[in-house]
C-alpha cells in the first residue's frame, strides 16, 4: 500500500487541489482518501483500475467537501487562487526550455487567470475539467470516477469548457 500511496499521492493531491482550491483542504482530503481506501480495500473488486477507484473516492470526497463548504458559507482567510499558482497547472504551462523572462511571466499570468476562472466554475464542472484536461483521464475513466454515463461525461465536459471559455473571454477582452 505504501508504494501505491507514493505513486498516486501527488496526482490525487493536485486533482483535489484544483477542485477545492485550498492546499490545506486538499492535503486533508488526500489523506482522508487514502484512509478510506485502506478501510475499504476489501470492497475493491478489480472491475476498474486501482487508480480509477482511488480517484473516484478522492473526487467524491472533494465534491462533498465543496458542497458542504458552500452550504455552510466557509471561505479561506488566506485567499485562494494565489496559493494555487505554485502547483502543476502553472508549472505545466511554461515551456521548460523557455528562458525568456517575458514569456515565463506571461505564462505565469495566463496560469493565474486560468486557475482563477477554474475556481469560479461549479464544482461538477471544475471536477470534470480537472479530470480530463489536467489529469488526462479518458472519458471512460471519468465516467467511472464520477459514476455517470459516458454520454453525460461528454455533455458535461462540453458545457464546462464553454463556461470556462466564457469566463476567460471576459478576462481577456
C-alpha atoms as a PDB file:
ATOM      1  CA  UNK A   1       0.000   0.000   0.000  1.00  0.00           C
ATOM      2  CA  UNK A   2       2.921   2.317   0.705  1.00  0.00           C
ATOM      3  CA  UNK A   3       4.081   2.060  -2.920  1.00  0.00           C
ATOM      4  CA  UNK A   4       0.585   2.885  -4.161  1.00  0.00           C
ATOM      5  CA  UNK A   5       0.420   5.936  -1.917  1.00  0.00           C
ATOM      6  CA  UNK A   6       3.808   7.172  -3.130  1.00  0.00           C
ATOM      7  CA  UNK A   7       2.802   6.510  -6.743  1.00  0.00           C
ATOM      8  CA  UNK A   8      -0.541   8.354  -6.658  1.00  0.00           C
ATOM      9  CA  UNK A   9      -0.453  10.885  -3.816  1.00  0.00           C
ATOM     10  CA  UNK A  10       0.842  13.832  -5.850  1.00  0.00           C
ATOM     11  CA  UNK A  11      -1.593  13.339  -8.735  1.00  0.00           C
ATOM     12  CA  UNK A  12      -4.511  12.874  -6.354  1.00  0.00           C
ATOM     13  CA  UNK A  13      -3.492  15.900  -4.275  1.00  0.00           C
ATOM     14  CA  UNK A  14      -3.208  18.124  -7.368  1.00  0.00           C
ATOM     15  CA  UNK A  15      -6.583  16.992  -8.704  1.00  0.00           C
ATOM     16  CA  UNK A  16      -8.260  17.596  -5.343  1.00  0.00           C
ATOM     17  CA  UNK A  17      -6.492  20.964  -5.038  1.00  0.00           C
ATOM     18  CA  UNK A  18      -7.917  22.070  -8.378  1.00  0.00           C
ATOM     19  CA  UNK A  19     -11.389  21.025  -7.224  1.00  0.00           C
ATOM     20  CA  UNK A  20     -11.390  22.555  -3.737  1.00  0.00           C
ATOM     21  CA  UNK A  21      -8.939  25.436  -4.270  1.00  0.00           C
ATOM     22  CA  UNK A  22      -7.157  25.307  -0.913  1.00  0.00           C
ATOM     23  CA  UNK A  23      -3.890  23.483  -0.227  1.00  0.00           C
ATOM     24  CA  UNK A  24      -4.704  22.641   3.408  1.00  0.00           C
ATOM     25  CA  UNK A  25      -8.111  21.226   2.475  1.00  0.00           C
ATOM     26  CA  UNK A  26      -6.558  19.306  -0.432  1.00  0.00           C
ATOM     27  CA  UNK A  27      -3.915  17.767   1.833  1.00  0.00           C
ATOM     28  CA  UNK A  28      -6.551  16.745   4.364  1.00  0.00           C
ATOM     29  CA  UNK A  29      -8.855  15.320   1.687  1.00  0.00           C
ATOM     30  CA  UNK A  30      -5.958  13.408   0.109  1.00  0.00           C
ATOM     31  CA  UNK A  31      -5.118  11.880   3.462  1.00  0.00           C
ATOM     32  CA  UNK A  32      -8.782  11.073   4.082  1.00  0.00           C
ATOM     33  CA  UNK A  33      -8.954   9.399   0.667  1.00  0.00           C
ATOM     34  CA  UNK A  34      -6.097   7.042   1.493  1.00  0.00           C
ATOM     35  CA  UNK A  35      -7.627   6.269   4.886  1.00  0.00           C
ATOM     36  CA  UNK A  36     -10.934   5.359   3.175  1.00  0.00           C
ATOM     37  CA  UNK A  37      -9.044   3.254   0.631  1.00  0.00           C
ATOM     38  CA  UNK A  38      -7.317   1.350   3.431  1.00  0.00           C
ATOM     39  CA  UNK A  39     -10.592   0.855   5.292  1.00  0.00           C
ATOM     40  CA  UNK A  40     -12.390  -0.362   2.155  1.00  0.00           C
ATOM     41  CA  UNK A  41      -9.668  -2.227   0.276  1.00  0.00           C
ATOM     42  CA  UNK A  42     -11.737  -5.399   0.665  1.00  0.00           C
ATOM     43  CA  UNK A  43     -14.527  -3.756  -1.336  1.00  0.00           C
ATOM     44  CA  UNK A  44     -12.234  -3.198  -4.335  1.00  0.00           C
ATOM     45  CA  UNK A  45     -13.473  -5.734  -6.885  1.00  0.00           C
ATOM     46  CA  UNK A  46     -10.925  -5.041  -9.606  1.00  0.00           C
ATOM     47  CA  UNK A  47     -13.587  -4.090 -12.154  1.00  0.00           C
ATOM     48  CA  UNK A  48     -11.673  -0.866 -12.735  1.00  0.00           C
ATOM     49  CA  UNK A  49      -8.049   0.039 -12.216  1.00  0.00           C
ATOM     50  CA  UNK A  50      -6.902   0.897  -8.703  1.00  0.00           C
ATOM     51  CA  UNK A  51      -6.095   4.395  -9.970  1.00  0.00           C
ATOM     52  CA  UNK A  52      -9.676   4.946 -11.145  1.00  0.00           C
ATOM     53  CA  UNK A  53     -11.125   3.569  -7.915  1.00  0.00           C
ATOM     54  CA  UNK A  54      -8.805   5.777  -5.840  1.00  0.00           C
ATOM     55  CA  UNK A  55      -9.736   8.869  -7.855  1.00  0.00           C
ATOM     56  CA  UNK A  56     -13.448   8.082  -7.531  1.00  0.00           C
ATOM     57  CA  UNK A  57     -13.110   8.129  -3.751  1.00  0.00           C
ATOM     58  CA  UNK A  58     -10.964  11.290  -3.752  1.00  0.00           C
ATOM     59  CA  UNK A  59     -13.136  13.245  -6.177  1.00  0.00           C
ATOM     60  CA  UNK A  60     -16.314  12.256  -4.329  1.00  0.00           C
ATOM     61  CA  UNK A  61     -14.788  13.425  -1.044  1.00  0.00           C
ATOM     62  CA  UNK A  62     -13.680  16.698  -2.650  1.00  0.00           C
ATOM     63  CA  UNK A  63     -17.075  17.357  -4.243  1.00  0.00           C
ATOM     64  CA  UNK A  64     -18.878  16.553  -0.992  1.00  0.00           C
ATOM     65  CA  UNK A  65     -16.493  18.857   0.877  1.00  0.00           C
ATOM     66  CA  UNK A  66     -17.081  21.699  -1.620  1.00  0.00           C
ATOM     67  CA  UNK A  67     -20.831  21.215  -1.422  1.00  0.00           C
ATOM     68  CA  UNK A  68     -20.746  21.259   2.375  1.00  0.00           C
ATOM     69  CA  UNK A  69     -18.429  24.290   2.359  1.00  0.00           C
ATOM     70  CA  UNK A  70     -20.807  26.159   0.047  1.00  0.00           C
ATOM     71  CA  UNK A  71     -23.843  25.304   2.204  1.00  0.00           C
ATOM     72  CA  UNK A  72     -22.069  26.431   5.372  1.00  0.00           C
ATOM     73  CA  UNK A  73     -20.550  29.514   3.749  1.00  0.00           C
ATOM     74  CA  UNK A  74     -16.967  28.682   4.694  1.00  0.00           C
ATOM     75  CA  UNK A  75     -14.173  30.541   2.939  1.00  0.00           C
ATOM     76  CA  UNK A  76     -10.423  30.793   3.239  1.00  0.00           C
ATOM     77  CA  UNK A  77      -8.990  33.734   5.153  1.00  0.00           C
ATOM     78  CA  UNK A  78      -5.771  33.422   3.159  1.00  0.00           C
ATOM     79  CA  UNK A  79      -7.329  33.813  -0.284  1.00  0.00           C
ATOM     80  CA  UNK A  80      -7.473  31.027  -2.790  1.00  0.00           C
ATOM     81  CA  UNK A  81      -6.148  31.445  -6.284  1.00  0.00           C
ATOM     82  CA  UNK A  82      -2.764  32.873  -5.354  1.00  0.00           C
ATOM     83  CA  UNK A  83      -1.680  29.772  -3.495  1.00  0.00           C
ATOM     84  CA  UNK A  84      -2.532  27.520  -6.436  1.00  0.00           C
ATOM     85  CA  UNK A  85      -0.034  29.213  -8.744  1.00  0.00           C
ATOM     86  CA  UNK A  86       2.825  27.088  -7.498  1.00  0.00           C
ATOM     87  CA  UNK A  87       1.124  23.801  -8.379  1.00  0.00           C
ATOM     88  CA  UNK A  88       1.065  21.743 -11.545  1.00  0.00           C
ATOM     89  CA  UNK A  89      -1.098  23.766 -13.929  1.00  0.00           C
ATOM     90  CA  UNK A  90       1.158  26.785 -13.567  1.00  0.00           C
ATOM     91  CA  UNK A  91       4.224  24.571 -13.797  1.00  0.00           C
ATOM     92  CA  UNK A  92       2.974  22.853 -16.944  1.00  0.00           C
ATOM     93  CA  UNK A  93       2.100  25.952 -18.945  1.00  0.00           C
ATOM     94  CA  UNK A  94       5.582  27.393 -19.435  1.00  0.00           C
ATOM     95  CA  UNK A  95       7.870  25.604 -21.855  1.00  0.00           C
ATOM     96  CA  UNK A  96      10.643  24.135 -19.709  1.00  0.00           C
ATOM     97  CA  UNK A  97      13.194  25.047 -22.403  1.00  0.00           C
ATOM     98  CA  UNK A  98      11.984  28.652 -22.442  1.00  0.00           C
ATOM     99  CA  UNK A  99      14.433  31.025 -20.803  1.00  0.00           C
ATOM    100  CA  UNK A 100      12.831  34.267 -21.970  1.00  0.00           C
ATOM    101  CA  UNK A 101      11.718  36.059 -18.773  1.00  0.00           C
ATOM    102  CA  UNK A 102       8.889  37.869 -20.583  1.00  0.00           C
ATOM    103  CA  UNK A 103       7.450  34.581 -21.887  1.00  0.00           C
ATOM    104  CA  UNK A 104       7.784  32.984 -18.449  1.00  0.00           C
ATOM    105  CA  UNK A 105       5.964  35.933 -16.835  1.00  0.00           C
ATOM    106  CA  UNK A 106       3.226  35.802 -19.487  1.00  0.00           C
ATOM    107  CA  UNK A 107       2.768  32.065 -18.955  1.00  0.00           C
ATOM    108  CA  UNK A 108       2.530  32.541 -15.184  1.00  0.00           C
ATOM    109  CA  UNK A 109      -0.094  35.240 -15.637  1.00  0.00           C
ATOM    110  CA  UNK A 110      -2.022  33.014 -18.034  1.00  0.00           C
ATOM    111  CA  UNK A 111      -1.896  30.171 -15.495  1.00  0.00           C
ATOM    112  CA  UNK A 112      -3.150  32.520 -12.772  1.00  0.00           C
ATOM    113  CA  UNK A 113      -6.058  33.624 -14.957  1.00  0.00           C
ATOM    114  CA  UNK A 114      -6.996  30.057 -15.881  1.00  0.00           C
ATOM    115  CA  UNK A 115      -6.885  28.951 -12.234  1.00  0.00           C
ATOM    116  CA  UNK A 116      -8.995  31.952 -11.189  1.00  0.00           C
ATOM    117  CA  UNK A 117     -11.578  31.126 -13.877  1.00  0.00           C
ATOM    118  CA  UNK A 118     -11.493  27.431 -12.955  1.00  0.00           C
ATOM    119  CA  UNK A 119     -12.239  28.350  -9.346  1.00  0.00           C
ATOM    120  CA  UNK A 120     -15.385  30.236 -10.450  1.00  0.00           C
ATOM    121  CA  UNK A 121     -16.903  27.173 -12.138  1.00  0.00           C
ATOM    122  CA  UNK A 122     -19.457  24.991 -10.391  1.00  0.00           C
ATOM    123  CA  UNK A 123     -17.911  22.076  -8.501  1.00  0.00           C
ATOM    124  CA  UNK A 124     -19.064  19.448 -11.004  1.00  0.00           C
ATOM    125  CA  UNK A 125     -17.776  21.469 -13.948  1.00  0.00           C
ATOM    126  CA  UNK A 126     -14.432  22.070 -12.245  1.00  0.00           C
ATOM    127  CA  UNK A 127     -14.079  18.377 -11.399  1.00  0.00           C
ATOM    128  CA  UNK A 128     -14.706  17.188 -14.941  1.00  0.00           C
ATOM    129  CA  UNK A 129     -12.241  19.680 -16.430  1.00  0.00           C
ATOM    130  CA  UNK A 130      -9.601  18.732 -13.864  1.00  0.00           C
ATOM    131  CA  UNK A 131     -10.032  15.030 -14.574  1.00  0.00           C
ATOM    132  CA  UNK A 132      -9.985  15.379 -18.370  1.00  0.00           C
ATOM    133  CA  UNK A 133      -7.750  18.339 -19.151  1.00  0.00           C
ATOM    134  CA  UNK A 134      -5.328  18.301 -16.236  1.00  0.00           C
ATOM    135  CA  UNK A 135      -5.256  14.644 -15.179  1.00  0.00           C
ATOM    136  CA  UNK A 136      -5.701  13.469 -18.811  1.00  0.00           C
ATOM    137  CA  UNK A 137      -8.192  10.759 -17.857  1.00  0.00           C
ATOM    138  CA  UNK A 138     -10.137   9.055 -20.615  1.00  0.00           C
ATOM    139  CA  UNK A 139     -13.889   9.605 -20.910  1.00  0.00           C
ATOM    140  CA  UNK A 140     -14.407   6.053 -19.644  1.00  0.00           C
ATOM    141  CA  UNK A 141     -12.248   6.658 -16.558  1.00  0.00           C
ATOM    142  CA  UNK A 142     -14.100   9.899 -15.813  1.00  0.00           C
ATOM    143  CA  UNK A 143     -17.431   8.075 -16.128  1.00  0.00           C
ATOM    144  CA  UNK A 144     -16.203   5.514 -13.580  1.00  0.00           C
ATOM    145  CA  UNK A 145     -14.792   8.127 -11.209  1.00  0.00           C
ATOM    146  CA  UNK A 146     -17.900  10.314 -11.259  1.00  0.00           C
ATOM    147  CA  UNK A 147     -20.263   7.347 -11.598  1.00  0.00           C
ATOM    148  CA  UNK A 148     -22.102   8.805 -14.582  1.00  0.00           C
ATOM    149  CA  UNK A 149     -22.822   7.660 -18.129  1.00  0.00           C
ATOM    150  CA  UNK A 150     -20.265   8.188 -20.910  1.00  0.00           C
ATOM    151  CA  UNK A 151     -22.625  10.498 -22.809  1.00  0.00           C
ATOM    152  CA  UNK A 152     -23.129  12.552 -19.662  1.00  0.00           C
ATOM    153  CA  UNK A 153     -19.356  12.939 -19.315  1.00  0.00           C
ATOM    154  CA  UNK A 154     -19.109  14.300 -22.846  1.00  0.00           C
ATOM    155  CA  UNK A 155     -22.017  16.718 -22.486  1.00  0.00           C
ATOM    156  CA  UNK A 156     -20.890  17.972 -19.059  1.00  0.00           C
ATOM    157  CA  UNK A 157     -17.345  18.422 -20.322  1.00  0.00           C
ATOM    158  CA  UNK A 158     -18.604  20.397 -23.307  1.00  0.00           C
ATOM    159  CA  UNK A 159     -20.719  22.654 -21.079  1.00  0.00           C
ATOM    160  CA  UNK A 160     -17.869  23.061 -18.572  1.00  0.00           C
ATOM    161  CA  UNK A 161     -15.420  24.046 -21.304  1.00  0.00           C
ATOM    162  CA  UNK A 162     -17.921  26.558 -22.714  1.00  0.00           C
ATOM    163  CA  UNK A 163     -18.400  28.062 -19.246  1.00  0.00           C
ATOM    164  CA  UNK A 164     -14.627  28.242 -18.740  1.00  0.00           C
ATOM    165  CA  UNK A 165     -14.203  29.827 -22.174  1.00  0.00           C
ATOM    166  CA  UNK A 166     -16.824  32.477 -21.326  1.00  0.00           C
ATOM    167  CA  UNK A 167     -15.099  33.267 -18.032  1.00  0.00           C
ATOM    168  CA  UNK A 168     -11.728  33.582 -19.730  1.00  0.00           C
ATOM    169  CA  UNK A 169     -13.112  35.745 -22.553  1.00  0.00           C
ATOM    170  CA  UNK A 170     -14.391  38.272 -20.019  1.00  0.00           C
ATOM    171  CA  UNK A 171     -10.863  38.482 -18.592  1.00  0.00           C
ATOM    172  CA  UNK A 172      -9.099  38.718 -21.951  1.00  0.00           C
ATOM    173  CA  UNK A 173     -11.439  41.167 -23.703  1.00  0.00           C
END
